[in-house]
């Protein structure tokens, strides 16, 4: 998750692809806005690279007004 949303408190700070809070990220997942995670184990959650790439493309298209993306 840190690679996706970042962690400014890390040393050195990790700059995410989609800078937002954890609560905003999980809320977006709950609402179906962001892709659902894959549970890899009791303490490990991951997301498919393809899902994150599609999310970024969709959000970028919304920002530029390109509905075809």
C-alpha atoms as a PDB file:
ATOM      1  CA  UNK A   1       0.000   0.000   0.000  1.00  0.00           C
ATOM      2  CA  UNK A   2       2.885   2.380   0.726  1.00  0.00           C
ATOM      3  CA  UNK A   3       3.953   2.257  -2.916  1.00  0.00           C
ATOM      4  CA  UNK A   4       0.415   3.200  -3.962  1.00  0.00           C
ATOM      5  CA  UNK A   5      -0.527   5.951  -1.488  1.00  0.00           C
ATOM      6  CA  UNK A   6       2.903   6.824  -0.080  1.00  0.00           C
ATOM      7  CA  UNK A   7       4.235   7.185   3.443  1.00  0.00           C
ATOM      8  CA  UNK A   8       5.551  10.672   4.256  1.00  0.00           C
ATOM      9  CA  UNK A   9       6.618   9.516   7.736  1.00  0.00           C
ATOM     10  CA  UNK A  10       9.032   6.888   6.378  1.00  0.00           C
ATOM     11  CA  UNK A  11      12.743   7.636   6.403  1.00  0.00           C
ATOM     12  CA  UNK A  12      13.290   8.485   3.587  1.00  0.00           C
ATOM     13  CA  UNK A  13       9.710   9.439   2.706  1.00  0.00           C
ATOM     14  CA  UNK A  14       7.899   7.229   0.177  1.00  0.00           C
ATOM     15  CA  UNK A  15       6.056   9.193  -2.489  1.00  0.00           C
ATOM     16  CA  UNK A  16       3.007   7.285  -3.667  1.00  0.00           C
ATOM     17  CA  UNK A  17       1.362   7.119  -7.057  1.00  0.00           C
ATOM     18  CA  UNK A  18      -1.907   8.358  -5.552  1.00  0.00           C
ATOM     19  CA  UNK A  19      -1.099  10.511  -2.529  1.00  0.00           C
ATOM     20  CA  UNK A  20      -3.973  10.148  -0.059  1.00  0.00           C
ATOM     21  CA  UNK A  21      -4.614   8.912   3.436  1.00  0.00           C
ATOM     22  CA  UNK A  22      -5.081   5.241   4.302  1.00  0.00           C
ATOM     23  CA  UNK A  23      -8.645   5.923   5.375  1.00  0.00           C
ATOM     24  CA  UNK A  24      -9.446   7.576   2.025  1.00  0.00           C
ATOM     25  CA  UNK A  25      -7.904   4.628   0.177  1.00  0.00           C
ATOM     26  CA  UNK A  26      -9.885   2.031   2.146  1.00  0.00           C
ATOM     27  CA  UNK A  27     -13.065   4.106   1.842  1.00  0.00           C
ATOM     28  CA  UNK A  28     -12.604   4.198  -1.943  1.00  0.00           C
ATOM     29  CA  UNK A  29     -12.217   0.412  -1.973  1.00  0.00           C
ATOM     30  CA  UNK A  30     -15.364   0.021   0.144  1.00  0.00           C
ATOM     31  CA  UNK A  31     -17.301   2.274  -2.258  1.00  0.00           C
ATOM     32  CA  UNK A  32     -16.012   0.406  -5.326  1.00  0.00           C
ATOM     33  CA  UNK A  33     -13.995   3.369  -6.628  1.00  0.00           C
ATOM     34  CA  UNK A  34     -10.596   1.709  -6.139  1.00  0.00           C
ATOM     35  CA  UNK A  35      -9.621  -1.905  -6.905  1.00  0.00           C
ATOM     36  CA  UNK A  36     -10.101  -4.588  -4.280  1.00  0.00           C
ATOM     37  CA  UNK A  37      -6.957  -6.025  -2.706  1.00  0.00           C
ATOM     38  CA  UNK A  38      -5.744  -9.596  -2.769  1.00  0.00           C
ATOM     39  CA  UNK A  39      -5.113 -11.091   0.671  1.00  0.00           C
ATOM     40  CA  UNK A  40      -1.768 -12.899   0.474  1.00  0.00           C
ATOM     41  CA  UNK A  41      -1.632 -13.932   4.111  1.00  0.00           C
ATOM     42  CA  UNK A  42      -2.703 -12.835   7.579  1.00  0.00           C
ATOM     43  CA  UNK A  43      -0.467  -9.746   7.480  1.00  0.00           C
ATOM     44  CA  UNK A  44      -0.015  -9.201   3.752  1.00  0.00           C
ATOM     45  CA  UNK A  45      -2.337  -7.405   1.337  1.00  0.00           C
ATOM     46  CA  UNK A  46      -1.472  -6.612  -2.292  1.00  0.00           C
ATOM     47  CA  UNK A  47      -3.012  -5.131  -5.432  1.00  0.00           C
ATOM     48  CA  UNK A  48      -2.562  -6.231  -9.028  1.00  0.00           C
ATOM     49  CA  UNK A  49      -0.300  -3.897 -10.987  1.00  0.00           C
ATOM     50  CA  UNK A  50      -2.801  -3.977 -13.860  1.00  0.00           C
ATOM     51  CA  UNK A  51      -5.611  -2.817 -11.550  1.00  0.00           C
ATOM     52  CA  UNK A  52      -3.575   0.137 -10.264  1.00  0.00           C
ATOM     53  CA  UNK A  53      -2.485   1.077 -13.808  1.00  0.00           C
ATOM     54  CA  UNK A  54      -6.124   1.054 -14.962  1.00  0.00           C
ATOM     55  CA  UNK A  55      -7.130   3.175 -11.960  1.00  0.00           C
ATOM     56  CA  UNK A  56      -4.440   5.753 -12.726  1.00  0.00           C
ATOM     57  CA  UNK A  57      -5.469   5.838 -16.403  1.00  0.00           C
ATOM     58  CA  UNK A  58      -9.134   6.275 -15.436  1.00  0.00           C
ATOM     59  CA  UNK A  59      -8.368   9.049 -12.960  1.00  0.00           C
ATOM     60  CA  UNK A  60      -6.098  10.751 -15.485  1.00  0.00           C
ATOM     61  CA  UNK A  61      -8.822  10.601 -18.125  1.00  0.00           C
ATOM     62  CA  UNK A  62     -11.280  12.174 -15.680  1.00  0.00           C
ATOM     63  CA  UNK A  63      -8.848  15.016 -14.993  1.00  0.00           C
ATOM     64  CA  UNK A  64      -8.276  15.733 -18.680  1.00  0.00           C
ATOM     65  CA  UNK A  65     -11.887  15.191 -19.686  1.00  0.00           C
ATOM     66  CA  UNK A  66     -10.999  12.251 -21.952  1.00  0.00           C
ATOM     67  CA  UNK A  67     -13.860   9.779 -21.506  1.00  0.00           C
ATOM     68  CA  UNK A  68     -12.305   7.269 -23.956  1.00  0.00           C
ATOM     69  CA  UNK A  69      -9.519   6.147 -21.609  1.00  0.00           C
END
